[in-house]
Amino acid sequence: MYVIQKNFTGKYDVIGGLEARGLMLGFHLAELLHMPFVPLRKPGKLPGECVKTTFTKEYGSDAFEVQKHMIKPGTRVLIIDDLLATGGSMAACDALIEMCGGTVAGYVVIFYLSTLHGEKKLKHPTEMKSIIDVKAVSYTHLR
């Protein structure tokens, strides 16, 4: 919560949480900060009219949906997830939020695998904050 208060106070209107761990983290952070929460979920899990985006991952394709009424034009969304690795999921959420007319205020993750440079796929890479920067471990050192 400190990372959010230090870096994003007054810069966002809602917290968006990615399926699945980002949903749990984002919901609890939104509750603690008294902010609205927007779930960004896999297709078919949300009721009502949804907006969908698909994206390619290292091992195939995937998709996210958001309820159309949850992000109004001009809404600033702070995206929460547990991990930023290659950036595919976060970049898809960038696109999804923009499809709804919103803007991305920033990104907060617990773990950031910095050697994969996933922030390069993000619309606003300088607005990505992490709790733990996990450097790649060479397994040859473990032998």
N, C-alpha and C. Protein backbone atom coordinates (compact mmCIF):
# COMPACT_ATOMS: atom_id res chain seq x y z
N MET A 1 0.83 -1.18 0.00
CA MET A 1 0.00 0.00 0.00
C MET A 1 0.88 1.25 0.00
N TYR A 2 2.02 1.18 0.65
CA TYR A 2 2.94 2.32 0.69
C TYR A 2 3.36 2.74 -0.72
N VAL A 3 3.64 1.77 -1.59
CA VAL A 3 4.06 2.07 -2.97
C VAL A 3 2.97 2.87 -3.68
N ILE A 4 1.73 2.50 -3.48
CA ILE A 4 0.62 3.20 -4.12
C ILE A 4 0.49 4.61 -3.58
N GLN A 5 0.51 4.74 -2.25
CA GLN A 5 0.35 6.06 -1.65
C GLN A 5 1.51 6.99 -2.02
N LYS A 6 2.71 6.46 -2.06
CA LYS A 6 3.90 7.27 -2.36
C LYS A 6 3.92 7.73 -3.82
N ASN A 7 3.54 6.87 -4.75
CA ASN A 7 3.71 7.14 -6.17
C ASN A 7 2.45 7.54 -6.94
N PHE A 8 1.27 7.19 -6.41
CA PHE A 8 0.06 7.37 -7.23
C PHE A 8 -1.07 8.14 -6.56
N THR A 9 -0.87 8.69 -5.39
CA THR A 9 -1.94 9.42 -4.72
C THR A 9 -2.45 10.55 -5.62
N GLY A 10 -3.76 10.56 -5.83
CA GLY A 10 -4.39 11.59 -6.66
C GLY A 10 -4.25 11.38 -8.16
N LYS A 11 -3.62 10.28 -8.59
CA LYS A 11 -3.37 10.06 -10.01
C LYS A 11 -4.28 9.00 -10.63
N TYR A 12 -5.16 8.39 -9.84
CA TYR A 12 -6.03 7.33 -10.37
C TYR A 12 -7.42 7.44 -9.76
N ASP A 13 -8.40 6.89 -10.50
CA ASP A 13 -9.80 6.92 -10.06
C ASP A 13 -10.28 5.56 -9.58
N VAL A 14 -9.75 4.49 -10.18
CA VAL A 14 -10.14 3.13 -9.81
C VAL A 14 -8.90 2.24 -9.81
N ILE A 15 -9.02 1.11 -9.13
CA ILE A 15 -7.98 0.09 -9.14
C ILE A 15 -8.48 -1.08 -9.96
N GLY A 16 -7.67 -1.52 -10.92
CA GLY A 16 -8.00 -2.67 -11.75
C GLY A 16 -7.11 -3.84 -11.39
N GLY A 17 -7.70 -4.99 -11.15
CA GLY A 17 -6.94 -6.18 -10.78
C GLY A 17 -7.04 -7.25 -11.84
N LEU A 18 -5.88 -7.79 -12.26
CA LEU A 18 -5.83 -8.84 -13.28
C LEU A 18 -6.13 -10.20 -12.66
N GLU A 19 -6.82 -11.02 -13.43
CA GLU A 19 -7.07 -12.41 -13.05
C GLU A 19 -5.72 -13.10 -12.89
N ALA A 20 -5.42 -13.87 -11.91
CA ALA A 20 -6.24 -14.24 -10.78
C ALA A 20 -5.71 -13.58 -9.50
N ARG A 21 -4.41 -13.60 -9.29
CA ARG A 21 -3.88 -13.03 -8.05
C ARG A 21 -4.05 -11.52 -7.99
N GLY A 22 -4.01 -10.85 -9.13
CA GLY A 22 -4.25 -9.41 -9.17
C GLY A 22 -5.66 -9.05 -8.72
N LEU A 23 -6.61 -9.98 -8.92
CA LEU A 23 -7.97 -9.75 -8.43
C LEU A 23 -7.98 -9.68 -6.91
N MET A 24 -7.32 -10.64 -6.29
CA MET A 24 -7.29 -10.67 -4.81
C MET A 24 -6.54 -9.47 -4.25
N LEU A 25 -5.37 -9.20 -4.80
CA LEU A 25 -4.57 -8.06 -4.33
C LEU A 25 -5.29 -6.74 -4.57
N GLY A 26 -5.78 -6.56 -5.79
CA GLY A 26 -6.43 -5.31 -6.15
C GLY A 26 -7.68 -5.03 -5.34
N PHE A 27 -8.49 -6.07 -5.12
CA PHE A 27 -9.72 -5.89 -4.34
C PHE A 27 -9.40 -5.42 -2.93
N HIS A 28 -8.44 -6.07 -2.30
CA HIS A 28 -8.09 -5.70 -0.91
C HIS A 28 -7.45 -4.32 -0.83
N LEU A 29 -6.61 -3.98 -1.79
CA LEU A 29 -6.03 -2.64 -1.82
C LEU A 29 -7.10 -1.58 -2.03
N ALA A 30 -8.02 -1.84 -2.95
CA ALA A 30 -9.12 -0.91 -3.20
C ALA A 30 -9.96 -0.70 -1.93
N GLU A 31 -10.21 -1.78 -1.23
CA GLU A 31 -10.98 -1.69 0.01
C GLU A 31 -10.23 -0.86 1.06
N LEU A 32 -8.95 -1.12 1.23
CA LEU A 32 -8.14 -0.38 2.20
C LEU A 32 -8.03 1.10 1.85
N LEU A 33 -7.97 1.40 0.56
CA LEU A 33 -7.80 2.79 0.11
C LEU A 33 -9.14 3.49 -0.18
N HIS A 34 -10.25 2.76 0.04
CA HIS A 34 -11.60 3.30 -0.19
C HIS A 34 -11.76 3.78 -1.64
N MET A 35 -11.33 2.93 -2.58
CA MET A 35 -11.40 3.24 -4.00
C MET A 35 -12.26 2.19 -4.70
N PRO A 36 -12.88 2.53 -5.82
CA PRO A 36 -13.62 1.54 -6.60
C PRO A 36 -12.66 0.49 -7.19
N PHE A 37 -13.18 -0.71 -7.38
CA PHE A 37 -12.38 -1.81 -7.93
C PHE A 37 -12.99 -2.30 -9.23
N VAL A 38 -12.13 -2.55 -10.23
CA VAL A 38 -12.57 -3.06 -11.53
C VAL A 38 -11.86 -4.38 -11.80
N PRO A 39 -12.60 -5.50 -11.88
CA PRO A 39 -11.97 -6.78 -12.20
C PRO A 39 -11.68 -6.91 -13.70
N LEU A 40 -10.48 -7.32 -14.03
CA LEU A 40 -10.06 -7.60 -15.41
C LEU A 40 -9.90 -9.12 -15.50
N ARG A 41 -10.88 -9.78 -16.12
CA ARG A 41 -10.98 -11.24 -16.01
C ARG A 41 -10.87 -11.96 -17.34
N LYS A 42 -10.71 -13.26 -17.22
CA LYS A 42 -10.72 -14.13 -18.40
C LYS A 42 -12.14 -14.14 -18.98
N PRO A 43 -12.28 -14.40 -20.28
CA PRO A 43 -13.60 -14.36 -20.93
C PRO A 43 -14.63 -15.29 -20.30
N GLY A 44 -15.88 -14.78 -20.25
CA GLY A 44 -17.00 -15.58 -19.80
C GLY A 44 -17.23 -15.59 -18.30
N LYS A 45 -16.45 -14.85 -17.53
CA LYS A 45 -16.60 -14.89 -16.07
C LYS A 45 -17.36 -13.70 -15.51
N LEU A 46 -17.57 -12.66 -16.32
CA LEU A 46 -18.26 -11.46 -15.85
C LEU A 46 -19.65 -11.38 -16.46
N PRO A 47 -20.65 -10.95 -15.68
CA PRO A 47 -22.00 -10.79 -16.24
C PRO A 47 -22.11 -9.50 -17.04
N GLY A 48 -23.14 -9.41 -17.85
CA GLY A 48 -23.43 -8.19 -18.58
C GLY A 48 -22.55 -8.01 -19.81
N GLU A 49 -22.68 -6.82 -20.41
CA GLU A 49 -21.93 -6.50 -21.62
C GLU A 49 -20.46 -6.25 -21.27
N CYS A 50 -19.58 -6.92 -22.00
CA CYS A 50 -18.15 -6.82 -21.73
C CYS A 50 -17.38 -6.39 -22.98
N VAL A 51 -16.23 -5.80 -22.74
CA VAL A 51 -15.27 -5.47 -23.79
C VAL A 51 -14.14 -6.47 -23.65
N LYS A 52 -13.63 -6.97 -24.79
CA LYS A 52 -12.64 -8.04 -24.76
C LYS A 52 -11.42 -7.69 -25.61
N THR A 53 -10.26 -8.10 -25.15
CA THR A 53 -9.04 -8.00 -25.95
C THR A 53 -8.30 -9.34 -25.87
N THR A 54 -7.69 -9.71 -26.97
CA THR A 54 -6.89 -10.94 -26.99
C THR A 54 -5.43 -10.56 -27.18
N PHE A 55 -4.55 -11.44 -26.74
CA PHE A 55 -3.12 -11.17 -26.85
C PHE A 55 -2.36 -12.48 -26.95
N THR A 56 -1.14 -12.39 -27.45
CA THR A 56 -0.29 -13.56 -27.62
C THR A 56 0.68 -13.67 -26.46
N LYS A 57 0.79 -14.88 -25.93
CA LYS A 57 1.76 -15.17 -24.87
C LYS A 57 2.86 -16.05 -25.45
N GLU A 58 3.84 -16.35 -24.64
CA GLU A 58 4.95 -17.18 -25.09
C GLU A 58 4.49 -18.55 -25.56
N TYR A 59 3.41 -19.05 -24.97
CA TYR A 59 2.96 -20.41 -25.23
C TYR A 59 1.57 -20.48 -25.85
N GLY A 60 1.06 -19.38 -26.38
CA GLY A 60 -0.26 -19.40 -27.00
C GLY A 60 -0.93 -18.05 -26.91
N SER A 61 -2.26 -18.05 -26.97
CA SER A 61 -3.00 -16.79 -26.87
C SER A 61 -3.90 -16.81 -25.65
N ASP A 62 -4.32 -15.62 -25.24
CA ASP A 62 -5.18 -15.48 -24.07
C ASP A 62 -6.04 -14.24 -24.28
N ALA A 63 -6.93 -13.96 -23.34
CA ALA A 63 -7.81 -12.81 -23.46
C ALA A 63 -8.20 -12.30 -22.07
N PHE A 64 -8.58 -11.04 -22.03
CA PHE A 64 -9.15 -10.41 -20.84
C PHE A 64 -10.43 -9.70 -21.23
N GLU A 65 -11.35 -9.59 -20.27
CA GLU A 65 -12.58 -8.84 -20.44
C GLU A 65 -12.79 -7.92 -19.26
N VAL A 66 -13.55 -6.87 -19.51
CA VAL A 66 -14.00 -5.97 -18.45
C VAL A 66 -15.44 -5.60 -18.76
N GLN A 67 -16.25 -5.41 -17.73
CA GLN A 67 -17.62 -4.96 -17.94
C GLN A 67 -17.59 -3.55 -18.51
N LYS A 68 -18.33 -3.35 -19.57
CA LYS A 68 -18.28 -2.09 -20.32
C LYS A 68 -18.56 -0.87 -19.46
N HIS A 69 -19.47 -0.98 -18.53
CA HIS A 69 -19.87 0.18 -17.72
C HIS A 69 -18.87 0.52 -16.60
N MET A 70 -17.90 -0.33 -16.37
CA MET A 70 -16.98 -0.12 -15.24
C MET A 70 -15.91 0.94 -15.50
N ILE A 71 -15.53 1.13 -16.76
CA ILE A 71 -14.51 2.13 -17.09
C ILE A 71 -15.14 3.13 -18.05
N LYS A 72 -15.42 4.29 -17.54
CA LYS A 72 -16.03 5.34 -18.35
C LYS A 72 -14.92 6.17 -19.02
N PRO A 73 -15.23 6.87 -20.12
CA PRO A 73 -14.22 7.71 -20.75
C PRO A 73 -13.57 8.67 -19.75
N GLY A 74 -12.25 8.70 -19.79
CA GLY A 74 -11.49 9.56 -18.89
C GLY A 74 -11.11 8.93 -17.56
N THR A 75 -11.64 7.76 -17.25
CA THR A 75 -11.30 7.09 -15.99
C THR A 75 -9.83 6.70 -15.98
N ARG A 76 -9.15 7.04 -14.88
CA ARG A 76 -7.73 6.69 -14.71
C ARG A 76 -7.63 5.42 -13.88
N VAL A 77 -7.02 4.38 -14.46
CA VAL A 77 -6.98 3.06 -13.85
C VAL A 77 -5.56 2.73 -13.39
N LEU A 78 -5.42 2.33 -12.14
CA LEU A 78 -4.17 1.82 -11.61
C LEU A 78 -4.25 0.30 -11.66
N ILE A 79 -3.39 -0.33 -12.46
CA ILE A 79 -3.43 -1.78 -12.67
C ILE A 79 -2.57 -2.48 -11.61
N ILE A 80 -3.16 -3.51 -10.99
CA ILE A 80 -2.47 -4.27 -9.94
C ILE A 80 -2.35 -5.73 -10.38
N ASP A 81 -1.16 -6.31 -10.19
CA ASP A 81 -0.97 -7.74 -10.43
C ASP A 81 0.17 -8.24 -9.54
N ASP A 82 0.32 -9.54 -9.52
CA ASP A 82 1.37 -10.11 -8.68
C ASP A 82 2.73 -10.09 -9.36
N LEU A 83 2.76 -10.14 -10.71
CA LEU A 83 4.01 -10.36 -11.43
C LEU A 83 4.03 -9.62 -12.76
N LEU A 84 5.16 -9.01 -13.06
CA LEU A 84 5.42 -8.51 -14.41
C LEU A 84 6.63 -9.26 -14.93
N ALA A 85 6.41 -10.06 -15.96
CA ALA A 85 7.51 -10.84 -16.57
C ALA A 85 7.76 -10.29 -17.97
N THR A 86 7.10 -10.85 -18.97
CA THR A 86 7.32 -10.40 -20.35
C THR A 86 6.41 -9.24 -20.74
N GLY A 87 5.40 -8.94 -19.95
CA GLY A 87 4.56 -7.77 -20.18
C GLY A 87 3.32 -7.99 -21.02
N GLY A 88 3.08 -9.19 -21.51
CA GLY A 88 1.94 -9.45 -22.38
C GLY A 88 0.59 -9.19 -21.73
N SER A 89 0.40 -9.67 -20.53
CA SER A 89 -0.88 -9.49 -19.83
C SER A 89 -1.14 -8.02 -19.52
N MET A 90 -0.13 -7.34 -19.02
CA MET A 90 -0.29 -5.92 -18.68
C MET A 90 -0.55 -5.09 -19.94
N ALA A 91 0.15 -5.38 -21.02
CA ALA A 91 -0.05 -4.65 -22.27
C ALA A 91 -1.48 -4.86 -22.79
N ALA A 92 -2.00 -6.08 -22.63
CA ALA A 92 -3.38 -6.35 -23.04
C ALA A 92 -4.35 -5.52 -22.22
N CYS A 93 -4.06 -5.35 -20.95
CA CYS A 93 -4.93 -4.53 -20.10
C CYS A 93 -4.85 -3.05 -20.49
N ASP A 94 -3.66 -2.59 -20.89
CA ASP A 94 -3.53 -1.24 -21.46
C ASP A 94 -4.55 -1.06 -22.57
N ALA A 95 -4.55 -1.98 -23.52
CA ALA A 95 -5.42 -1.91 -24.69
C ALA A 95 -6.90 -1.97 -24.27
N LEU A 96 -7.21 -2.85 -23.34
CA LEU A 96 -8.59 -3.02 -22.88
C LEU A 96 -9.11 -1.74 -22.23
N ILE A 97 -8.32 -1.13 -21.40
CA ILE A 97 -8.72 0.11 -20.73
C ILE A 97 -8.92 1.22 -21.75
N GLU A 98 -8.03 1.31 -22.73
CA GLU A 98 -8.17 2.33 -23.77
C GLU A 98 -9.39 2.08 -24.66
N MET A 99 -9.73 0.81 -24.90
CA MET A 99 -10.92 0.48 -25.69
C MET A 99 -12.18 1.02 -25.01
N CYS A 100 -12.15 1.09 -23.68
CA CYS A 100 -13.29 1.60 -22.91
C CYS A 100 -13.27 3.12 -22.78
N GLY A 101 -12.19 3.75 -23.24
CA GLY A 101 -12.07 5.21 -23.13
C GLY A 101 -11.31 5.68 -21.91
N GLY A 102 -10.81 4.73 -21.12
CA GLY A 102 -10.03 5.08 -19.93
C GLY A 102 -8.56 5.25 -20.25
N THR A 103 -7.80 5.63 -19.23
CA THR A 103 -6.35 5.74 -19.37
C THR A 103 -5.68 4.99 -18.23
N VAL A 104 -4.48 4.52 -18.50
CA VAL A 104 -3.72 3.81 -17.47
C VAL A 104 -2.93 4.83 -16.66
N ALA A 105 -3.17 4.84 -15.36
CA ALA A 105 -2.46 5.76 -14.46
C ALA A 105 -1.11 5.18 -14.05
N GLY A 106 -1.00 3.86 -14.06
CA GLY A 106 0.23 3.20 -13.65
C GLY A 106 0.01 1.74 -13.37
N TYR A 107 1.07 1.09 -12.93
CA TYR A 107 1.07 -0.36 -12.67
C TYR A 107 1.79 -0.62 -11.36
N VAL A 108 1.25 -1.50 -10.55
CA VAL A 108 1.92 -1.93 -9.32
C VAL A 108 1.93 -3.45 -9.31
N VAL A 109 3.12 -4.01 -9.15
CA VAL A 109 3.26 -5.47 -9.06
C VAL A 109 4.09 -5.81 -7.83
N ILE A 110 3.91 -7.02 -7.36
CA ILE A 110 4.73 -7.50 -6.24
C ILE A 110 6.11 -7.86 -6.78
N PHE A 111 6.14 -8.75 -7.76
CA PHE A 111 7.41 -9.23 -8.32
C PHE A 111 7.60 -8.72 -9.74
N TYR A 112 8.80 -8.26 -10.01
CA TYR A 112 9.17 -7.79 -11.34
C TYR A 112 10.41 -8.53 -11.79
N LEU A 113 10.28 -9.29 -12.88
CA LEU A 113 11.43 -10.01 -13.44
C LEU A 113 12.13 -9.07 -14.42
N SER A 114 12.98 -8.22 -13.91
CA SER A 114 13.54 -7.11 -14.69
C SER A 114 14.41 -7.56 -15.86
N THR A 115 15.00 -8.73 -15.78
CA THR A 115 15.86 -9.17 -16.88
C THR A 115 15.06 -9.52 -18.14
N LEU A 116 13.74 -9.65 -18.03
CA LEU A 116 12.89 -9.94 -19.19
C LEU A 116 12.39 -8.66 -19.87
N HIS A 117 12.55 -7.52 -19.23
CA HIS A 117 12.20 -6.21 -19.79
C HIS A 117 10.75 -6.10 -20.25
N GLY A 118 9.84 -6.67 -19.47
CA GLY A 118 8.41 -6.62 -19.80
C GLY A 118 7.84 -5.21 -19.82
N GLU A 119 8.49 -4.28 -19.11
CA GLU A 119 7.99 -2.90 -19.08
C GLU A 119 8.04 -2.24 -20.45
N LYS A 120 8.85 -2.77 -21.36
CA LYS A 120 8.95 -2.19 -22.70
C LYS A 120 7.66 -2.36 -23.51
N LYS A 121 6.82 -3.31 -23.13
CA LYS A 121 5.54 -3.51 -23.83
C LYS A 121 4.44 -2.60 -23.28
N LEU A 122 4.68 -1.94 -22.17
CA LEU A 122 3.65 -1.12 -21.53
C LEU A 122 3.56 0.26 -22.17
N LYS A 123 2.35 0.83 -22.16
CA LYS A 123 2.14 2.18 -22.69
C LYS A 123 2.90 3.23 -21.88
N HIS A 124 2.98 3.01 -20.59
CA HIS A 124 3.61 3.98 -19.69
C HIS A 124 4.65 3.28 -18.81
N PRO A 125 5.76 2.83 -19.38
CA PRO A 125 6.73 2.02 -18.63
C PRO A 125 7.34 2.74 -17.42
N THR A 126 7.40 4.06 -17.44
CA THR A 126 7.98 4.76 -16.30
C THR A 126 7.04 4.78 -15.10
N GLU A 127 5.79 4.44 -15.33
CA GLU A 127 4.81 4.42 -14.24
C GLU A 127 4.60 3.01 -13.68
N MET A 128 5.58 2.12 -13.83
CA MET A 128 5.51 0.77 -13.29
C MET A 128 6.34 0.72 -12.02
N LYS A 129 5.71 0.31 -10.92
CA LYS A 129 6.39 0.20 -9.63
C LYS A 129 6.26 -1.24 -9.13
N SER A 130 7.34 -1.73 -8.55
CA SER A 130 7.31 -3.09 -8.00
C SER A 130 7.80 -3.08 -6.57
N ILE A 131 7.44 -4.12 -5.85
CA ILE A 131 7.91 -4.30 -4.47
C ILE A 131 9.26 -5.02 -4.49
N ILE A 132 9.35 -6.06 -5.31
CA ILE A 132 10.57 -6.88 -5.37
C ILE A 132 11.02 -7.03 -6.82
N ASP A 133 12.26 -6.66 -7.09
CA ASP A 133 12.86 -6.84 -8.41
C ASP A 133 13.65 -8.15 -8.36
N VAL A 134 13.15 -9.13 -9.10
CA VAL A 134 13.77 -10.45 -9.11
C VAL A 134 14.72 -10.54 -10.29
N LYS A 135 16.00 -10.60 -10.01
CA LYS A 135 17.00 -10.75 -11.06
C LYS A 135 17.04 -12.22 -11.47
N ALA A 136 17.43 -12.49 -12.71
CA ALA A 136 17.53 -13.87 -13.18
C ALA A 136 18.60 -14.60 -12.38
N VAL A 137 18.31 -15.84 -12.06
CA VAL A 137 19.27 -16.68 -11.34
C VAL A 137 19.89 -17.64 -12.33
N SER A 138 21.18 -17.70 -12.33
CA SER A 138 21.87 -18.67 -13.19
C SER A 138 21.94 -19.98 -12.44
N TYR A 139 21.36 -21.02 -13.02
CA TYR A 139 21.36 -22.32 -12.36
C TYR A 139 22.73 -22.95 -12.30
N THR A 140 23.67 -22.45 -13.09
CA THR A 140 25.02 -23.02 -13.04
C THR A 140 25.68 -22.72 -11.69
N HIS A 141 25.24 -21.65 -11.02
CA HIS A 141 25.80 -21.31 -9.71
C HIS A 141 25.27 -22.21 -8.60
N LEU A 142 24.22 -22.94 -8.88
CA LEU A 142 23.61 -23.79 -7.87
C LEU A 142 24.19 -25.20 -7.84
N ARG A 143 25.05 -25.50 -8.76
CA ARG A 143 25.60 -26.86 -8.82
C ARG A 143 26.76 -27.04 -7.88
